[in-house]
Protein backbone atom coordinates (compact mmCIF):
# COMPACT_ATOMS: atom_id res chain seq x y z
CA MET A 1 44.71 -55.25 98.27
CA ARG A 2 48.44 -55.48 98.73
CA THR A 3 50.32 -57.49 96.10
CA PHE A 4 53.07 -59.99 96.81
CA LEU A 5 54.93 -60.13 93.50
CA ALA A 6 58.29 -59.96 95.25
CA LEU A 7 57.52 -63.15 97.15
CA ALA A 8 56.38 -64.82 93.95
CA ILE A 9 59.96 -64.87 92.69
CA ALA A 10 61.75 -67.86 94.18
CA THR A 11 65.40 -66.96 94.59
CA THR A 12 66.40 -70.62 94.64
CA MET A 13 65.27 -71.32 91.07
CA ALA A 14 68.75 -70.70 89.72
CA LEU A 15 70.04 -73.62 91.81
CA GLY A 16 68.38 -76.28 89.71
CA TRP A 17 65.42 -78.16 91.22
CA PRO A 18 65.47 -77.01 94.85
CA CYS A 19 61.96 -78.19 95.71
CA ALA A 20 59.03 -80.15 94.33
CA PHE A 21 57.46 -77.06 92.77
CA PRO A 22 60.36 -74.78 91.85
CA ASP A 23 58.11 -72.08 90.37
CA GLY A 24 56.32 -71.53 93.71
CA LYS A 25 52.95 -72.05 91.99
CA GLY A 26 52.43 -75.77 92.54
CA ASN A 27 54.01 -76.64 89.20
CA PRO A 28 56.79 -79.19 88.70
CA TYR A 29 57.98 -76.92 85.90
CA THR A 30 61.41 -75.61 84.94
CA PRO A 31 62.57 -73.58 81.93
CA THR A 32 65.66 -75.80 81.75
CA GLU A 33 66.20 -77.17 78.23
CA LEU A 34 66.80 -80.86 77.68
CA PRO A 35 68.94 -82.35 74.90
CA PRO A 36 66.78 -83.55 71.96
CA GLY A 37 67.87 -87.14 72.52
CA GLU A 38 66.76 -90.17 74.46
CA PRO A 39 67.28 -91.26 78.06
CA GLN A 40 69.86 -93.82 79.08
CA VAL A 41 70.44 -95.01 82.61
CA HIS A 42 73.47 -93.16 83.96
CA TRP A 43 73.15 -94.81 87.34
CA SER A 44 70.44 -96.42 89.43
CA MET A 45 70.21 -97.06 93.19
CA SER A 46 67.92 -100.00 93.82
CA GLU A 47 68.73 -100.77 97.46
CA VAL A 48 66.33 -98.11 98.73
CA LYS A 49 62.79 -98.52 100.04
CA SER A 50 60.02 -96.15 98.97
CA PRO A 51 62.31 -93.25 98.02
CA THR A 52 60.79 -89.80 97.73
CA PRO A 53 61.26 -87.61 94.67
CA ALA A 54 64.53 -85.72 94.84
CA CYS A 55 65.67 -82.14 94.90
CA ILE A 56 68.87 -81.39 93.03
CA VAL A 57 71.25 -78.55 93.81
CA GLU A 58 74.80 -77.96 92.56
CA ASN A 59 75.47 -81.55 91.45
CA ARG A 60 74.04 -83.09 94.60
CA LEU A 61 70.82 -85.03 94.95
CA TYR A 62 68.73 -85.10 98.13
CA PHE A 63 65.93 -87.56 98.87
CA ALA A 64 64.53 -89.67 101.69
CA SER A 65 63.98 -93.39 102.06
CA GLN A 66 61.68 -94.24 104.96
CA ASN A 67 63.27 -92.31 107.88
CA ILE A 68 66.70 -91.79 106.27
CA ALA A 69 67.63 -88.50 104.62
CA ASN A 70 70.15 -89.09 101.84
CA CYS A 71 72.60 -87.05 99.79
CA LEU A 72 74.14 -88.50 96.62
CA ASP A 73 76.68 -87.27 94.11
CA LEU A 74 74.57 -86.59 91.03
CA GLU A 75 77.22 -87.63 88.53
CA THR A 76 78.23 -90.93 90.14
CA GLY A 77 75.23 -91.86 92.29
CA LYS A 78 77.54 -92.50 95.24
CA LYS A 79 76.22 -91.76 98.70
CA ILE A 80 77.79 -88.73 100.37
CA TRP A 81 75.86 -88.93 103.61
CA GLY A 82 72.74 -90.33 105.26
CA ALA A 83 70.95 -89.00 108.33
CA GLU A 84 68.55 -91.05 110.45
CA LEU A 85 65.46 -89.06 111.44
CA VAL A 86 62.64 -89.73 113.89
CA SER A 87 59.89 -90.89 111.53
CA ASN A 88 59.29 -91.83 107.90
CA ILE A 89 59.34 -89.15 105.24
CA VAL A 90 56.84 -89.23 102.39
CA THR A 91 57.48 -85.86 100.74
CA PRO A 92 60.40 -84.65 98.64
CA PRO A 93 62.80 -82.36 100.52
CA CYS A 94 63.68 -78.80 99.61
CA PHE A 95 66.90 -76.80 99.74
CA VAL A 96 67.74 -73.30 100.91
CA SER A 97 70.91 -71.46 102.01
CA GLY A 98 73.12 -74.53 102.10
CA ARG A 99 70.60 -76.61 104.03
CA ALA A 100 68.51 -79.60 103.02
CA ILE A 101 65.04 -79.43 104.60
CA PHE A 102 63.19 -82.68 105.35
CA CYS A 103 59.73 -83.09 106.91
CA ASP A 104 58.49 -86.33 108.47
CA LYS A 105 55.02 -87.84 108.91
CA VAL A 106 54.70 -86.80 112.57
CA GLY A 107 55.35 -83.12 111.88
CA ASN A 108 59.07 -82.67 112.47
CA VAL A 109 61.00 -80.31 110.22
CA TYR A 110 64.77 -80.85 109.94
CA SER A 111 67.38 -78.39 108.71
CA ILE A 112 70.41 -80.44 107.69
CA ASP A 113 73.88 -79.19 106.78
CA SER A 114 74.15 -80.15 103.13
CA SER A 115 77.92 -80.61 103.36
CA ASN A 116 77.98 -83.31 106.05
CA GLY A 117 74.43 -84.47 106.83
CA LYS A 118 74.31 -83.15 110.39
CA VAL A 119 70.96 -81.98 111.70
CA ILE A 120 71.56 -78.35 112.64
CA ASP A 121 68.04 -77.32 113.60
CA LYS A 122 64.73 -79.01 114.22
CA ALA A 123 61.17 -77.70 114.58
CA SER A 124 57.73 -79.24 114.90
CA THR A 125 54.28 -78.48 113.52
CA SER A 126 52.75 -80.96 116.01
CA SER A 127 50.97 -82.88 113.24
CA GLY A 128 51.80 -84.88 110.15
CA ILE A 129 53.31 -83.42 106.97
CA VAL A 130 52.27 -85.10 103.72
CA ALA A 131 52.63 -82.12 101.35
CA PRO A 132 56.03 -81.12 99.95
CA PRO A 133 57.67 -78.11 101.64
CA ILE A 134 58.33 -75.25 99.26
CA VAL A 135 60.87 -72.42 99.20
CA ILE A 136 59.85 -68.89 98.32
CA SER A 137 62.27 -65.98 98.64
CA GLY A 138 64.46 -67.80 101.14
CA LEU A 139 61.62 -68.95 103.41
CA ILE A 140 60.32 -72.49 103.86
CA TYR A 141 56.54 -72.99 103.79
CA VAL A 142 55.10 -76.13 105.37
CA SER A 143 51.46 -77.31 105.40
CA SER A 144 50.37 -79.85 108.02
CA THR A 145 47.48 -82.27 108.47
CA SER A 146 46.21 -80.25 111.44
CA GLY A 147 45.47 -77.30 109.16
CA LYS A 148 48.46 -75.12 109.98
CA VAL A 149 50.60 -73.32 107.43
CA VAL A 150 53.96 -72.28 108.87
CA SER A 151 56.90 -70.45 107.35
CA PHE A 152 60.44 -70.87 108.66
CA THR A 153 63.81 -69.32 108.06
CA PRO A 154 66.57 -71.75 106.99
CA ASP A 155 67.52 -72.21 110.66
CA LEU A 156 63.83 -73.03 111.39
CA LYS A 157 62.86 -69.85 113.17
CA GLU A 158 59.11 -69.49 112.76
CA GLN A 159 58.17 -66.40 110.75
CA MET A 160 54.47 -66.88 110.12
CA SER A 161 51.76 -69.28 111.18
CA VAL A 162 48.09 -69.53 110.32
CA ASP A 163 45.65 -72.23 111.46
CA LEU A 164 43.02 -73.01 108.82
CA GLU A 165 41.50 -75.71 111.11
CA THR A 166 41.04 -78.19 108.27
CA PRO A 167 43.55 -80.87 107.19
CA LEU A 168 46.01 -79.84 104.49
CA SER A 169 47.34 -82.39 102.01
CA CYS A 170 48.78 -80.10 99.36
CA SER A 171 51.39 -77.36 99.33
CA PRO A 172 50.55 -73.65 99.19
CA ILE A 173 51.16 -71.59 96.09
CA ILE A 174 52.19 -67.95 95.81
CA THR A 175 50.46 -65.44 93.55
CA SER A 176 50.35 -61.66 93.24
CA GLN A 177 47.36 -61.70 95.61
CA GLY A 178 49.06 -63.66 98.36
CA LEU A 179 49.57 -67.22 99.56
CA PHE A 180 46.88 -69.61 98.34
CA GLN A 181 46.27 -72.71 100.46
CA GLN A 182 43.52 -75.22 99.75
CA THR A 183 42.05 -77.35 102.52
CA SER A 184 40.59 -80.83 102.34
CA ASP A 185 37.02 -79.45 102.15
CA GLY A 186 37.93 -77.44 99.02
CA THR A 187 38.15 -73.96 100.54
CA ILE A 188 41.01 -71.89 99.17
CA TYR A 189 42.32 -69.39 101.70
CA ILE A 190 44.25 -66.35 100.54
CA VAL A 191 46.79 -65.51 103.24
CA ASN A 192 49.25 -62.69 103.77
CA PRO A 193 52.51 -64.68 103.58
CA GLU A 194 54.30 -62.24 105.88
CA ASN A 195 51.97 -62.24 108.91
CA GLY A 196 49.48 -65.06 108.29
CA ALA A 197 46.41 -62.82 108.10
CA ILE A 198 43.55 -64.41 106.15
CA LEU A 199 42.67 -61.97 103.39
CA SER A 200 39.78 -63.84 101.79
CA ASN A 201 38.64 -67.29 100.74
CA ILE A 202 37.16 -69.06 97.73
CA LYS A 203 34.78 -71.99 97.95
CA ALA A 204 35.68 -74.80 95.57
CA ASP A 205 35.21 -78.54 95.17
CA PRO A 206 37.26 -80.77 97.47
CA PRO A 207 40.65 -81.40 95.83
CA ILE A 208 42.19 -84.78 95.19
CA GLY A 209 45.71 -83.50 94.57
CA GLN A 210 47.98 -80.49 94.34
CA MET A 211 46.48 -77.36 92.84
CA CYS A 212 48.63 -75.14 90.61
CA GLN A 213 48.50 -71.72 89.00
CA ASN A 214 49.75 -70.13 85.83
CA ASP A 215 48.72 -67.49 83.31
CA GLY A 216 46.07 -66.16 85.71
CA LEU A 217 44.31 -69.52 86.14
CA ILE A 218 44.16 -71.60 89.32
CA ASN A 219 43.80 -75.28 88.48
CA ILE A 220 42.16 -77.62 91.00
CA PRO A 221 42.07 -81.40 90.48
CA VAL A 222 38.62 -82.77 91.42
CA GLN A 223 36.87 -86.09 91.01
CA SER A 224 35.33 -85.20 87.64
CA GLY A 225 38.42 -83.56 86.12
CA ILE A 226 39.83 -80.04 86.54
CA THR A 227 38.22 -76.86 87.78
CA ARG A 228 39.96 -73.76 86.44
CA LEU A 229 39.41 -70.53 88.37
CA LYS A 230 39.91 -67.10 86.86
CA GLY A 231 38.57 -64.45 89.21
CA ASP A 232 34.90 -65.28 89.73
CA GLN A 233 34.78 -67.45 86.61
CA ARG A 234 34.89 -71.23 86.97
CA ILE A 235 35.80 -73.38 83.99
CA PRO A 236 35.06 -77.09 84.48
CA ILE A 237 37.10 -79.52 82.38
CA GLU A 238 35.67 -83.03 82.45
CA LEU A 239 38.07 -85.95 82.03
CA PRO A 240 37.41 -89.69 81.61
CA SER A 241 38.85 -90.35 85.07
CA SER A 242 40.08 -88.45 88.12
CA PRO A 243 43.36 -86.54 87.88
CA SER A 244 46.41 -87.91 89.67
CA CYS A 245 48.98 -85.21 88.87
CA MET A 246 49.40 -82.13 86.68
CA VAL A 247 51.68 -79.30 85.57
CA ALA A 248 50.72 -75.91 84.11
CA VAL A 249 53.27 -74.59 81.61
CA PRO A 250 53.62 -70.79 81.34
CA GLY A 251 52.16 -69.76 78.00
CA GLY A 252 51.44 -73.41 77.26
CA PRO A 253 48.99 -76.17 78.14
CA LEU A 254 47.90 -77.64 81.42
CA VAL A 255 49.09 -81.27 81.29
CA VAL A 256 47.07 -83.67 83.43
CA GLY A 257 47.73 -87.31 84.26
CA THR A 258 44.87 -89.70 85.06
CA SER A 259 44.38 -93.43 85.45
CA PHE A 260 43.55 -93.63 81.73
CA GLY A 261 46.21 -91.43 80.16
CA LEU A 262 47.68 -87.97 79.69
CA TYR A 263 45.77 -84.88 78.58
CA GLY A 264 46.80 -81.46 77.27
CA ILE A 265 44.34 -78.66 78.06
CA SER A 266 44.41 -75.16 76.57
CA GLY A 267 41.91 -72.67 77.99
CA ASP A 268 38.64 -74.57 78.30
CA LYS A 269 39.39 -77.12 75.60
CA LEU A 270 41.17 -80.44 75.41
CA SER A 271 43.92 -79.94 72.82
CA TRP A 272 45.39 -83.46 72.81
CA SER A 273 45.24 -86.76 74.67
CA MET A 274 47.03 -90.07 74.78
CA LYS A 275 46.08 -93.35 76.39
CA THR A 276 48.40 -95.25 78.70
CA GLU A 277 48.24 -98.90 79.68
CA LYS A 278 48.64 -98.04 83.36
CA PRO A 279 47.70 -95.00 85.45
CA VAL A 280 49.84 -91.89 85.12
CA SER A 281 51.41 -91.19 88.52
CA ALA A 282 53.83 -88.33 87.80
CA VAL A 283 54.27 -85.45 85.37
CA SER A 284 56.73 -82.57 85.04
CA ALA A 285 57.56 -80.21 82.20
CA ASN A 286 59.88 -77.68 80.68
CA SER A 287 58.92 -75.23 77.95
CA GLU A 288 58.99 -77.89 75.16
CA ILE A 289 58.13 -81.30 76.58
CA ALA A 290 56.25 -82.99 79.40
CA VAL A 291 57.87 -85.94 81.13
CA PHE A 292 55.45 -88.38 82.72
CA GLY A 293 55.66 -91.63 84.64
CA CYS A 294 53.21 -94.43 85.26
CA ALA A 295 52.45 -97.12 87.75
CA GLY A 296 54.54 -100.05 86.58
CA GLY A 297 57.62 -98.02 85.70
CA LEU A 298 57.04 -96.38 82.30
CA VAL A 299 58.75 -93.00 81.86
CA ALA A 300 58.13 -91.05 78.66
CA GLY A 301 58.58 -87.64 77.08
CA VAL A 302 55.85 -86.02 74.99
CA ARG A 303 55.83 -82.83 72.95
CA LEU A 304 53.71 -80.17 74.62
CA LYS A 305 52.11 -78.77 71.49
CA ASP A 306 50.57 -82.02 70.26
CA GLY A 307 51.29 -84.84 72.74
CA GLU A 308 53.50 -86.77 70.32
CA VAL A 309 55.62 -89.32 72.17
CA LEU A 310 59.31 -88.50 71.74
CA TRP A 311 60.88 -91.31 73.77
CA LYS A 312 60.15 -93.99 76.34
CA ALA A 313 62.11 -95.69 79.10
CA THR A 314 61.24 -98.21 81.78
CA MET A 315 62.27 -98.97 85.34
CA ALA A 316 60.98 -101.08 88.19
CA GLY A 317 58.17 -99.88 90.46
CA ASP A 318 55.60 -97.09 90.36
CA ILE A 319 56.89 -93.63 89.39
CA ALA A 320 56.67 -90.93 92.08
CA HIS A 321 55.53 -87.35 91.46
CA PRO A 322 57.23 -85.08 90.50
CA ILE A 323 60.13 -85.94 88.17
CA PRO A 324 62.96 -83.39 88.49
CA ILE A 325 64.20 -82.13 85.12
CA ILE A 326 67.77 -80.84 84.95
CA HIS A 327 70.02 -79.66 82.11
CA ASP A 328 71.06 -83.09 80.84
CA GLY A 329 68.50 -85.52 82.15
CA LEU A 330 65.91 -86.66 84.67
CA VAL A 331 66.05 -88.02 88.19
CA VAL A 332 63.21 -90.50 88.62
CA SER A 333 62.10 -92.01 91.91
CA SER A 334 59.95 -95.11 91.88
CA SER A 335 58.68 -97.31 94.67
CA LYS A 336 61.83 -99.41 94.26
CA SER A 337 64.71 -97.20 93.11
CA VAL A 338 66.19 -93.81 92.31
CA THR A 339 67.53 -93.53 88.75
CA PHE A 340 69.39 -90.80 86.92
CA PHE A 341 68.55 -90.86 83.22
CA LYS A 342 70.84 -88.79 81.02
CA LEU A 343 69.59 -87.73 77.63
CA TRP A 344 71.96 -88.32 74.74
CA ASP A 345 71.51 -86.61 71.41
CA LEU A 346 71.77 -89.25 68.68
CA ASN A 347 70.25 -87.06 65.97
CA PRO A 348 71.23 -88.17 62.45
CA GLU A 349 73.45 -86.03 60.26
CA PRO A 350 72.17 -84.82 57.90
CA SER A 351 68.50 -84.97 58.80
CA ILE A 352 67.49 -83.99 55.24
CA ILE A 353 68.83 -85.82 52.17
CA ASP A 354 68.22 -84.45 48.67
CA LEU A 355 68.81 -87.10 46.00
CA GLY A 356 68.15 -84.52 43.29
CA HIS A 357 66.92 -85.44 39.80
CA VAL A 358 66.69 -89.19 39.34
CA PRO A 359 65.88 -90.56 35.86
CA THR A 360 63.20 -93.23 35.81
CA GLY A 361 64.62 -96.70 36.27
CA GLU A 362 67.88 -95.42 37.75
CA ILE A 363 69.44 -95.94 41.17
CA ALA A 364 70.28 -92.96 43.39
CA THR A 365 72.12 -93.04 46.69
CA GLY A 366 72.68 -90.84 49.73
CA SER A 367 73.86 -91.39 53.28
CA PHE A 368 73.57 -90.26 56.89
CA SER A 369 75.36 -91.06 60.12
CA MET A 370 74.52 -91.33 63.81
CA SER A 371 76.92 -90.91 66.72
CA ASN A 372 76.78 -92.15 70.29
CA PRO A 373 78.54 -89.63 72.58
CA ALA A 374 81.77 -90.79 74.20
CA ASN A 375 80.34 -90.22 77.68
CA SER A 376 77.21 -92.24 76.92
CA THR A 377 76.40 -94.93 79.44
CA GLY A 378 76.36 -97.78 76.93
CA PRO A 379 75.82 -99.00 73.36
CA VAL A 380 72.64 -98.09 71.50
CA GLN A 381 70.89 -100.27 68.94
CA VAL A 382 69.17 -98.44 66.08
CA ILE A 383 66.71 -99.89 63.57
CA CYS A 384 65.92 -98.04 60.33
CA THR A 385 62.72 -98.27 58.30
CA SER A 386 61.38 -96.34 55.30
CA GLU A 387 57.76 -95.46 54.69
CA LYS A 388 58.17 -96.13 50.94
CA GLN A 389 59.35 -99.41 49.49
CA GLU A 390 61.52 -97.82 46.81
CA ILE A 391 63.85 -96.57 49.56
CA THR A 392 66.11 -99.05 51.33
CA ILE A 393 68.64 -98.42 54.11
CA ASN A 394 71.85 -100.36 54.44
CA PRO A 395 72.54 -101.48 57.08
CA GLY A 396 69.00 -101.66 58.37
CA ASN A 397 70.18 -101.82 61.96
CA ALA A 398 73.35 -101.19 63.89
CA ILE A 399 74.75 -101.10 67.41
CA ILE A 400 76.64 -97.89 68.16
CA VAL A 401 79.12 -98.07 71.04
CA PRO A 402 79.95 -95.02 73.20
CA GLY A 403 82.14 -92.70 71.15
CA GLY A 404 81.24 -94.60 67.97
CA LYS A 405 79.58 -93.58 64.73
CA ALA A 406 77.49 -95.64 62.31
CA PHE A 407 77.02 -94.82 58.63
CA PHE A 408 73.90 -95.70 56.68
CA ASN A 409 73.46 -95.76 52.90
CA VAL A 410 70.11 -94.67 51.48
CA VAL A 411 69.30 -96.32 48.14
CA LEU A 412 66.46 -95.26 45.83
CA ASP A 413 65.34 -97.60 43.04
CA SER A 414 63.19 -95.44 40.76
CA THR A 415 61.95 -98.32 38.61
CA GLY A 416 58.23 -97.99 37.99
CA ILE A 417 57.87 -94.65 39.77
CA LYS A 418 55.96 -91.93 37.98
CA GLU A 419 57.69 -88.70 37.15
CA GLY A 420 57.34 -86.01 39.81
CA LYS A 421 58.70 -84.69 43.09
CA TYR A 422 58.63 -86.95 46.15
CA SER A 423 59.45 -86.75 49.82
CA THR A 424 59.57 -89.65 52.22
CA THR A 425 60.66 -90.26 55.80
CA ILE A 426 63.13 -92.72 57.22
CA THR A 427 62.42 -93.56 60.86
CA ILE A 428 65.33 -94.60 63.06
CA LYS A 429 64.16 -96.26 66.26
CA THR A 430 66.07 -97.07 69.41
CA LYS A 431 64.80 -98.83 72.49
CA THR A 432 63.44 -95.61 73.92
CA SER A 433 63.20 -93.05 71.13
CA SER A 434 62.88 -92.40 67.42
CA TYR A 435 64.49 -90.01 64.94
CA LYS A 436 63.59 -89.00 61.41
CA VAL A 437 65.49 -88.39 58.18
CA VAL A 438 63.59 -86.78 55.31
CA VAL A 439 64.57 -87.90 51.80
CA GLY A 440 63.58 -85.80 48.80
CA TYR A 441 63.91 -86.74 45.11
CA ASN A 442 62.58 -85.71 41.73
CA ILE A 443 61.83 -88.51 39.28
CA VAL A 444 62.52 -87.24 35.77
CA PRO A 445 62.59 -88.74 32.26
CA GLN A 446 65.68 -90.65 31.17
CA PRO A 447 68.38 -88.35 29.75
CA PHE A 448 69.52 -88.36 26.12
CA VAL A 449 73.18 -89.36 25.75
CA ALA A 450 75.00 -88.72 22.46
CA GLU A 451 78.57 -89.86 21.69
CA LEU A 452 80.47 -88.29 18.78
CA LYS A 453 83.94 -89.54 17.94
CA LEU A 454 86.38 -87.40 15.97
CA GLY A 455 86.52 -88.51 12.36
CA ASP A 456 83.55 -90.89 12.76
CA PRO A 457 80.27 -89.90 11.06
CA ILE A 458 78.28 -92.32 13.26
CA MET A 459 76.71 -90.67 16.32
CA LYS A 460 75.78 -93.22 19.01
CA MET A 461 72.61 -92.46 20.93
CA LYS A 462 71.23 -93.88 24.17
CA ARG A 463 68.24 -93.20 26.40
CA GLY A 464 67.71 -95.62 29.25
CA THR A 465 67.87 -99.12 27.78
CA GLN A 466 67.26 -97.88 24.24
CA LYS A 467 70.24 -97.49 21.93
CA TRP A 468 70.47 -96.36 18.31
CA GLU A 469 72.86 -94.80 15.79
CA VAL A 470 72.58 -91.72 13.58
CA LYS A 471 74.71 -91.35 10.45
CA LEU A 472 75.86 -87.78 9.93
CA ASP A 473 76.75 -86.21 6.58
CA SER A 474 80.17 -85.28 7.91
CA PRO A 475 82.21 -86.44 10.91
CA PRO A 476 83.17 -84.14 13.82
CA PHE A 477 86.61 -82.53 13.73
CA LEU A 478 88.84 -80.46 15.99
CA GLN A 479 89.38 -76.73 15.43
CA SER A 480 91.30 -74.53 17.86
CA ASN A 481 91.02 -77.38 20.37
CA ARG A 482 87.23 -77.34 20.10
CA THR A 483 85.05 -80.17 18.80
CA MET A 484 83.09 -78.98 15.77
CA VAL A 485 79.96 -80.95 14.85
CA PRO A 486 77.40 -80.51 12.10
CA LEU A 487 74.22 -78.75 13.12
CA ARG A 488 72.25 -81.90 12.38
CA ALA A 489 74.04 -83.62 15.28
CA ILE A 490 72.43 -81.14 17.67
CA SER A 491 68.89 -81.72 16.44
CA GLU A 492 69.35 -85.49 16.32
CA SER A 493 71.01 -85.75 19.75
CA PHE A 494 68.50 -84.30 22.21
CA GLY A 495 65.76 -82.80 20.08
CA PRO A 496 66.24 -79.05 19.43
CA LYS A 497 64.63 -77.71 16.31
CA VAL A 498 67.15 -76.10 13.92
CA THR A 499 65.89 -73.44 11.48
CA TYR A 500 68.09 -71.81 8.84
CA VAL A 501 67.33 -68.13 8.06
CA LYS A 502 69.14 -67.30 4.81
CA ASP A 503 69.49 -63.52 5.27
CA GLY A 504 69.18 -63.49 9.05
CA CYS A 505 72.52 -61.70 9.63
CA PRO A 506 74.46 -59.07 7.69
CA GLY A 507 76.55 -60.91 5.17
CA SER A 508 75.62 -64.39 6.36
CA GLY A 509 72.81 -66.68 7.25
CA ARG A 510 71.47 -67.31 10.72
CA VAL A 511 70.50 -70.48 12.52
CA ASP A 512 67.76 -70.46 15.15
CA ILE A 513 67.98 -73.39 17.57
CA THR A 514 64.86 -73.91 19.72
CA LEU A 515 64.24 -76.27 22.61
CA GLY A 516 61.19 -75.77 24.80
CA GLY A 517 61.03 -72.04 25.53
CA THR A 518 64.77 -71.47 25.02
CA ILE A 519 66.01 -70.07 21.70
CA ILE A 520 69.57 -69.56 20.45
CA TYR A 521 70.19 -67.15 17.55
CA HIS A 522 73.59 -67.60 15.87
CA CYS A 523 75.10 -65.82 12.90
CA ILE A 524 77.08 -68.37 10.89
CA GLY A 525 80.80 -67.62 10.75
CA THR A 526 80.88 -65.68 14.05
CA ASN A 527 81.76 -66.61 17.59
CA MET A 528 78.67 -65.00 19.06
CA LEU A 529 75.15 -66.11 19.91
CA THR A 530 72.08 -64.56 21.48
CA LEU A 531 70.38 -66.59 24.19
CA LYS A 532 66.67 -66.03 24.84
CA LEU A 533 65.35 -67.72 27.99
CA PRO A 534 61.63 -67.82 28.84
CA GLY A 535 60.49 -64.63 30.55
CA LYS A 536 63.90 -62.94 30.21
CA GLN A 537 65.53 -60.41 27.93
CA PRO A 538 67.86 -61.76 25.20
CA GLU A 539 71.48 -62.08 26.32
CA ALA A 540 74.52 -61.89 24.02
CA LYS A 541 77.27 -64.48 24.60
CA THR A 542 80.72 -64.91 23.07
CA PHE A 543 82.68 -68.13 22.70
CA ASP A 544 86.27 -68.68 21.56
CA THR A 545 85.66 -70.53 18.29
CA ALA A 546 83.56 -69.35 15.34
CA SER A 547 81.23 -71.63 13.43
CA VAL A 548 82.34 -72.61 9.93
CA ILE A 549 80.87 -73.99 6.71
CA VAL A 550 82.63 -77.09 5.38
CA ALA A 551 81.46 -78.78 2.21
CA GLY A 552 78.18 -76.93 2.45
CA ARG A 553 77.54 -78.03 5.98
CA THR A 554 77.50 -75.73 9.01
CA PHE A 555 79.71 -76.86 11.89
CA VAL A 556 79.42 -75.34 15.38
CA PRO A 557 81.43 -75.76 18.62
CA ILE A 558 79.19 -78.25 20.37
CA ARG A 559 80.12 -77.39 23.98
CA PHE A 560 78.83 -73.82 23.83
CA ILE A 561 75.61 -74.71 22.07
CA ALA A 562 74.83 -77.73 24.28
CA GLU A 563 75.58 -75.97 27.56
CA ALA A 564 73.30 -73.10 26.60
CA PHE A 565 70.49 -75.69 26.78
CA LEU A 566 71.82 -76.93 30.18
CA ALA A 567 73.18 -80.13 28.66
CA THR A 568 76.49 -81.42 30.02
CA VAL A 569 79.45 -82.05 27.73
CA ASN A 570 82.32 -84.39 28.60
CA TRP A 571 85.47 -85.29 26.68
CA ASP A 572 87.02 -88.76 26.61
CA ALA A 573 90.63 -88.11 25.62
CA ASN A 574 91.44 -91.81 25.20
CA THR A 575 88.80 -92.42 22.55
CA LYS A 576 88.66 -88.83 21.20
CA THR A 577 84.95 -88.83 21.91
CA VAL A 578 82.67 -86.00 23.04
CA ILE A 579 79.72 -87.11 25.20
CA ILE A 580 76.60 -84.92 25.42
CA THR A 581 74.04 -85.62 28.15
CA TYR A 582 70.74 -83.78 28.17
CA GLN A 583 68.20 -84.22 30.94
CA PRO A 584 64.70 -83.18 29.85
CA PRO A 585 63.00 -81.00 32.49
C-alpha cells in the first residue's frame, strides 16, 4: 500500500497554532515550550457570546462568536477586524497561506483575507460542519454531517471528495497509511487523501469525540473509556466515566479528560489520575505539561509524567476544547469570554539553600528572592510555608509588583534537634501556582572555643552555654610574630591527645598529637611536622616558626598545629588574644 508520510507533515506547524489539531493527528499538541511559571491574565474579552477556540498565527488570534469571524491582536487583545457570515460557527478556524478559514453550521466554508477580514472565496459542503477543519501540507480538510470529507486549496478549489454516507462529527487524521476518518457508527475509513479512494476500513465502537493517533496507536473515545488500536490489536482502557477530550503526546502518555477527572495512560495501563470537582471539557499538551479546562472555568497545568498540578487559574464559563498553547502562554475560550493568559516565571533564586554545619542550639540563616517581571500584568501575592517547624521564613508573605523583587530570610533554630543531616522544603504559593526552595543543613555538636591572652596563664574555654577556665603552667608569648602556647593548651582546648616520645627524633624529643584518626608528628625545636590523615600517606609540612622549650615546657606555634586539625584560629589585636574554634565532626 502506498504511504503518505509527506502529507503527514503539516507545513503550517511553524506558524504557531494554525488549527485545532496542529499535528494533523487529532492531537491538540505542540512542542512549544512554556515558561516554568504561572498564568496571569494578560487580557480578556468578555463581550463575546459562545466564542470558539482560537487559532494563532504571527501574533494574531482568529476565532468566531456566533456568526462573526474575528481577528484580534494577540498582544493587546484589540479587535483588528470582524466579518459577518451566513450562519453560526461552532468549530475553531484554521489558517493557511495568509487566509483564515471558517466553517459554519450549514456547511459553508469561508476563505478570509487575514489582513483585512474580507471574504475572498466561499464554498459549500451542502451540510453542517461541526468538526474543526484541519490543514495538512497546504490543503484544508473538512468533514460534514452528511458524511462527506472534502479537501480544498486555500482559495477553496475542491481537490478531493469522498462520501462515507454516515454523519461525521470529528476531524480526519493523517497517518503513513492515509487519511483516517471515523463515522458516527464507529467505522474508520482509510482514504487516499489525494483522490478520495477508500483503501480499507476498520470496524470500531461508535465514538463520542475526536479520535487521535500517535506512536503507532489510534485512540478512540467510547462510552466505557478508550479503545487503542494497533494494527489488528485492540486495547480497551476502562475509565470511571466517558471521555470528553484527549491528547496523545509523542513518546509520552495519552491524557484523557472525563466528567470525573483527568487520566494519564501509558500503553495499556493507567499511570496517573486526578479528580476534578467539575467535568473536564478541554485538554492540550506540549512535551512537558498538559493544560486542561473544566466546566465552571478552572484552567490548570499538570506535569505529564506524574499528573502533579503545577498551577491553577479560573475564569467565567465552561472551557472550550482545545486550548492553544503558544511560546509564552495560553489562549482560553470559554462559553463567556476569550482570555490570553501569559505565564510569568517567578522561580525563587536560589532554589537550593545550604545552611552548612549548624551547632546544636544555634541559629543559622539564609535567604532567597523572587521577582515579578516588569512586563507582568499585575502584582502577585506569595505565601511561604515550611514543612518543618524549626525553619521560619520572614516575611511569611509578600506582594510583588511588576518589576519588583521580594527578599525572604530563612531562619533555622536548631534547639532540640538531633545531630545529623537534614533537608526540608519551603513551599511558596501564589493564587495559581506553587514553587519550592530546598533547605539543607547539618546539625553538629557545639564547637570548642578557647581564648588565650598573651602573658595570661588562664585559658578561657566555652562550649555552647558551658564556660570554664584552665590554668596553664606558663602564659602564651609572641615569637617572630607568632603566638606560642604550651602543648598542654592544645590538649585542654579541644581534646587532642599529646604524647611525648623522648628519643623520637635525632637529637631531640618528639611530640605526637592525635585527634580522631589524624596524627601530627613534630620534632621539638624544628619548624616541621608530619601530618597523617586517615587513609592517606603522611605529608611533610613546614611552618615559619620553630617550637621551643622554655622553663622545661614545650611551646608550639598554635596556628599551624590547630589548623592541621581543621580548627580555625583568629587574632584579636585589641586584647592580644588568640581564639581557637574547633568544630567536632
